Amino acid sequence: MARYTEAKCKLCRREGMKLYLKGERCHTDRCAVERRPYGPGLHGRRRGRKPSDYKLQLREKQKVRSIYGILERQFRNYFAEAERRTGVTGANLFTLLEKRLDSVVYRMGFAPSRAAARQLVRHKHVLVNGDVTDIPSFEVRVGNMIAIREKSRNIPMVVAALKDCAKRERLPFVEVDDRKMEGRLVQEPQMGDLPIPIQENLIVELYSKV
């Protein structure tokens, strides 16, 4: 399966903000955005001209793709599904993205990043309603029980991630029992719950041109 293999910190520097792609490192002074608050590459320090509307729309879309770790074709499919559903397209899009199994595992604090959560799912360490599910894009429904397999509960990464997550408040749409390493999606994720500011209207405008 195709995936992004370059330095993740470049993605944060390109957007000029923390996307929290490397777990606990993003909360320390080792974060690349803290140390080098300018774009990557030879021209990263240049002061550019006022960006066009298209550039703003494209950068917003690329930012969201980076946050959720998905490629263009899959992102387009999510957008098409968001358009088909009733309601506001932008809000539908982020509900779909946040309900991915790898995203829910990350939000529950079982992994330090979405990439790590995706690996946990792929390696069959995660249960959905008691059944092993190894598809990161699996859509979690409200009320579904997500748990770490009993034999996987001593994985150092999972233990460390739960300790780090305890330092910060979880988002309101998940409910977790840290001791049992299990939790539920208790409500539909809302745009206002997300910690990173996203202008979903720019993404809708970009795809409306296609």
Protein backbone atom coordinates (compact mmCIF):
# COMPACT_ATOMS: atom_id res chain seq x y z
CA MET A 1 0.00 0.00 0.00
CA ALA A 2 1.35 3.44 -0.92
CA ARG A 3 2.16 5.75 1.99
CA TYR A 4 4.17 8.87 2.83
CA THR A 5 7.73 7.87 3.76
CA GLU A 6 9.57 11.20 4.12
CA ALA A 7 10.21 13.11 7.36
CA LYS A 8 6.90 13.89 9.07
CA CYS A 9 8.28 17.09 10.60
CA LYS A 10 8.53 18.56 7.10
CA LEU A 11 4.76 18.38 6.83
CA CYS A 12 4.29 20.42 10.01
CA ARG A 13 6.88 22.99 8.95
CA ARG A 14 5.29 23.29 5.51
CA GLU A 15 1.93 24.16 7.11
CA GLY A 16 3.52 26.41 9.73
CA MET A 17 1.82 24.64 12.63
CA LYS A 18 1.93 21.47 14.70
CA LEU A 19 -0.03 18.60 13.18
CA TYR A 20 0.93 16.22 16.02
CA LEU A 21 2.29 13.50 13.73
CA LYS A 22 5.06 12.24 16.06
CA GLY A 23 3.29 11.72 19.34
CA GLU A 24 4.81 13.04 22.57
CA ARG A 25 7.75 14.65 20.74
CA CYS A 26 5.32 17.28 19.40
CA HIS A 27 4.66 18.44 22.98
CA THR A 28 8.35 19.07 23.76
CA ASP A 29 10.94 21.63 22.70
CA ARG A 30 12.38 19.03 20.31
CA CYS A 31 9.45 19.67 17.97
CA ALA A 32 10.74 20.84 14.58
CA VAL A 33 8.18 23.66 14.42
CA GLU A 34 9.59 25.04 17.69
CA ARG A 35 13.21 24.77 16.54
CA ARG A 36 12.76 25.83 12.89
CA PRO A 37 9.55 27.85 12.49
CA TYR A 38 9.84 28.22 8.73
CA GLY A 39 9.14 26.07 5.71
CA PRO A 40 11.42 23.20 4.70
CA GLY A 41 13.79 23.29 1.75
CA LEU A 42 16.00 25.86 0.09
CA HIS A 43 13.30 28.53 -0.11
CA GLY A 44 11.70 27.89 3.26
CA ARG A 45 12.79 31.25 4.74
CA ARG A 46 11.61 33.33 1.80
CA ARG A 47 8.76 35.72 2.35
CA GLY A 48 6.34 34.84 -0.41
CA ARG A 49 3.71 36.89 -2.13
CA LYS A 50 0.13 36.96 -0.93
CA PRO A 51 -1.21 33.43 -1.59
CA SER A 52 -3.97 32.95 -4.15
CA ASP A 53 -7.35 31.50 -3.20
CA TYR A 54 -6.39 28.26 -4.91
CA LYS A 55 -3.18 27.98 -2.91
CA LEU A 56 -5.05 28.50 0.36
CA GLN A 57 -7.57 25.83 -0.60
CA LEU A 58 -4.88 23.39 -1.71
CA ARG A 59 -2.77 23.87 1.41
CA GLU A 60 -5.80 23.30 3.65
CA LYS A 61 -6.58 20.07 1.84
CA GLN A 62 -2.95 18.92 2.04
CA LYS A 63 -2.87 19.76 5.74
CA VAL A 64 -5.89 17.58 6.43
CA ARG A 65 -4.48 14.72 4.35
CA SER A 66 -1.26 14.93 6.38
CA ILE A 67 -3.13 14.92 9.69
CA TYR A 68 -5.09 11.76 8.86
CA GLY A 69 -2.31 10.09 6.86
CA ILE A 70 -4.33 9.31 3.75
CA LEU A 71 -3.56 9.68 0.06
CA GLU A 72 -5.40 11.69 -2.57
CA ARG A 73 -7.64 9.00 -4.04
CA GLN A 74 -8.86 7.87 -0.64
CA PHE A 75 -9.44 11.48 0.41
CA ARG A 76 -11.53 12.10 -2.71
CA ASN A 77 -13.60 9.02 -1.90
CA TYR A 78 -14.26 10.37 1.61
CA PHE A 79 -15.29 13.71 0.16
CA ALA A 80 -17.67 12.02 -2.31
CA GLU A 81 -19.23 10.04 0.54
CA ALA A 82 -19.57 13.23 2.61
CA GLU A 83 -21.43 14.87 -0.28
CA ARG A 84 -23.81 11.91 -0.59
CA ARG A 85 -24.79 12.05 3.08
CA THR A 86 -27.37 14.47 4.41
CA GLY A 87 -26.09 17.50 6.26
CA VAL A 88 -23.17 19.87 5.78
CA THR A 89 -20.49 18.36 3.51
CA GLY A 90 -17.54 19.75 5.45
CA ALA A 91 -18.83 18.50 8.79
CA ASN A 92 -19.68 15.10 7.26
CA LEU A 93 -16.14 14.82 5.90
CA PHE A 94 -14.51 15.26 9.30
CA THR A 95 -16.99 12.95 10.99
CA LEU A 96 -15.98 10.23 8.51
CA LEU A 97 -12.26 10.88 9.04
CA GLU A 98 -12.52 10.91 12.83
CA LYS A 99 -14.53 7.67 12.83
CA ARG A 100 -11.77 5.73 11.09
CA LEU A 101 -10.58 2.97 13.42
CA ASP A 102 -6.97 4.22 13.48
CA SER A 103 -8.17 7.71 14.36
CA VAL A 104 -10.43 6.46 17.17
CA VAL A 105 -7.60 4.32 18.60
CA TYR A 106 -5.38 7.42 18.58
CA ARG A 107 -8.06 9.63 20.16
CA MET A 108 -8.55 7.07 22.93
CA GLY A 109 -4.86 7.33 23.78
CA PHE A 110 -3.85 3.77 22.93
CA ALA A 111 -1.17 5.04 20.52
CA PRO A 112 1.02 8.17 20.46
CA SER A 113 0.14 9.05 16.86
CA ARG A 114 -2.18 7.99 14.06
CA ALA A 115 0.69 6.24 12.30
CA ALA A 116 1.33 4.18 15.44
CA ALA A 117 -2.41 3.51 15.79
CA ARG A 118 -2.52 2.29 12.19
CA GLN A 119 0.32 -0.11 12.97
CA LEU A 120 -1.50 -1.44 16.04
CA VAL A 121 -4.59 -2.10 13.94
CA ARG A 122 -2.64 -3.70 11.09
CA HIS A 123 -0.84 -6.03 13.50
CA LYS A 124 -4.17 -7.23 14.95
CA HIS A 125 -3.77 -5.76 18.44
CA VAL A 126 -7.19 -4.05 18.37
CA LEU A 127 -10.67 -5.48 18.97
CA VAL A 128 -13.96 -3.96 17.82
CA ASN A 129 -16.90 -5.37 19.77
CA GLY A 130 -14.71 -8.32 20.75
CA ASP A 131 -13.55 -9.18 17.22
CA VAL A 132 -10.09 -8.57 15.80
CA THR A 133 -10.24 -5.83 13.15
CA ASP A 134 -7.10 -5.11 11.12
CA ILE A 135 -8.50 -2.49 8.70
CA PRO A 136 -7.40 1.04 9.71
CA SER A 137 -10.16 2.65 7.61
CA PHE A 138 -12.93 0.61 9.29
CA GLU A 139 -15.76 3.01 10.20
CA VAL A 140 -16.44 2.92 13.94
CA ARG A 141 -20.07 3.49 14.89
CA VAL A 142 -21.39 5.20 18.00
CA GLY A 143 -21.56 2.63 20.80
CA ASN A 144 -18.87 0.32 19.36
CA MET A 145 -16.45 -1.03 21.98
CA ILE A 146 -12.77 -0.61 21.07
CA ALA A 147 -10.20 -2.52 23.10
CA ILE A 148 -6.59 -3.62 23.07
CA ARG A 149 -6.26 -7.42 22.95
CA GLU A 150 -5.40 -8.90 26.33
CA LYS A 151 -2.11 -10.36 25.12
CA SER A 152 -1.13 -6.96 23.66
CA ARG A 153 -1.70 -4.84 26.76
CA ASN A 154 1.95 -4.94 27.84
CA ILE A 155 3.25 -3.43 24.61
CA PRO A 156 5.54 -0.59 25.83
CA MET A 157 4.23 1.86 23.23
CA VAL A 158 0.61 1.36 24.38
CA VAL A 159 1.50 1.69 28.07
CA ALA A 160 3.55 4.84 27.45
CA ALA A 161 0.86 6.36 25.22
CA LEU A 162 -1.80 5.93 27.93
CA LYS A 163 0.47 7.57 30.52
CA ASP A 164 1.12 10.52 28.20
CA CYS A 165 -2.56 10.82 27.29
CA ALA A 166 -3.47 11.02 30.98
CA LYS A 167 -1.67 14.38 31.10
CA ARG A 168 -4.11 15.86 28.60
CA GLU A 169 -7.90 15.94 28.35
CA ARG A 170 -9.46 13.51 25.89
CA LEU A 171 -11.91 14.72 23.29
CA PRO A 172 -15.59 14.48 24.35
CA PHE A 173 -16.70 11.94 21.77
CA VAL A 174 -14.67 9.07 23.31
CA GLU A 175 -14.98 7.40 26.69
CA VAL A 176 -12.07 5.25 27.92
CA ASP A 177 -11.29 2.92 30.81
CA ASP A 178 -7.49 3.15 31.03
CA ARG A 179 -7.20 0.18 33.40
CA LYS A 180 -9.09 -2.18 31.08
CA MET A 181 -7.63 -0.54 27.95
CA GLU A 182 -11.02 -0.29 26.33
CA GLY A 183 -13.42 2.47 25.38
CA ARG A 184 -16.42 3.52 23.31
CA LEU A 185 -17.29 6.11 20.74
CA VAL A 186 -20.08 7.81 22.68
CA GLN A 187 -21.21 10.41 20.13
CA GLU A 188 -20.60 11.65 16.61
CA PRO A 189 -17.35 13.69 16.40
CA GLN A 190 -17.99 17.41 15.93
CA MET A 191 -15.81 19.97 14.14
CA GLY A 192 -15.67 22.10 17.29
CA ASP A 193 -14.08 19.22 19.22
CA LEU A 194 -10.96 19.07 17.05
CA PRO A 195 -7.79 20.56 18.61
CA ILE A 196 -6.30 21.73 15.28
CA PRO A 197 -8.09 24.61 13.51
CA ILE A 198 -9.35 23.48 10.10
CA GLN A 199 -11.22 25.55 7.52
CA GLU A 200 -13.33 22.86 5.93
CA ASN A 201 -15.04 25.40 3.67
CA LEU A 202 -11.78 25.83 1.72
CA ILE A 203 -11.69 22.09 0.97
CA VAL A 204 -15.31 22.12 -0.17
CA GLU A 205 -14.56 25.09 -2.43
CA LEU A 206 -11.52 23.32 -3.90
CA TYR A 207 -13.40 20.15 -4.83
CA SER A 208 -16.41 22.05 -6.08
CA LYS A 209 -14.20 23.30 -8.93
CA VAL A 210 -13.43 19.79 -10.15
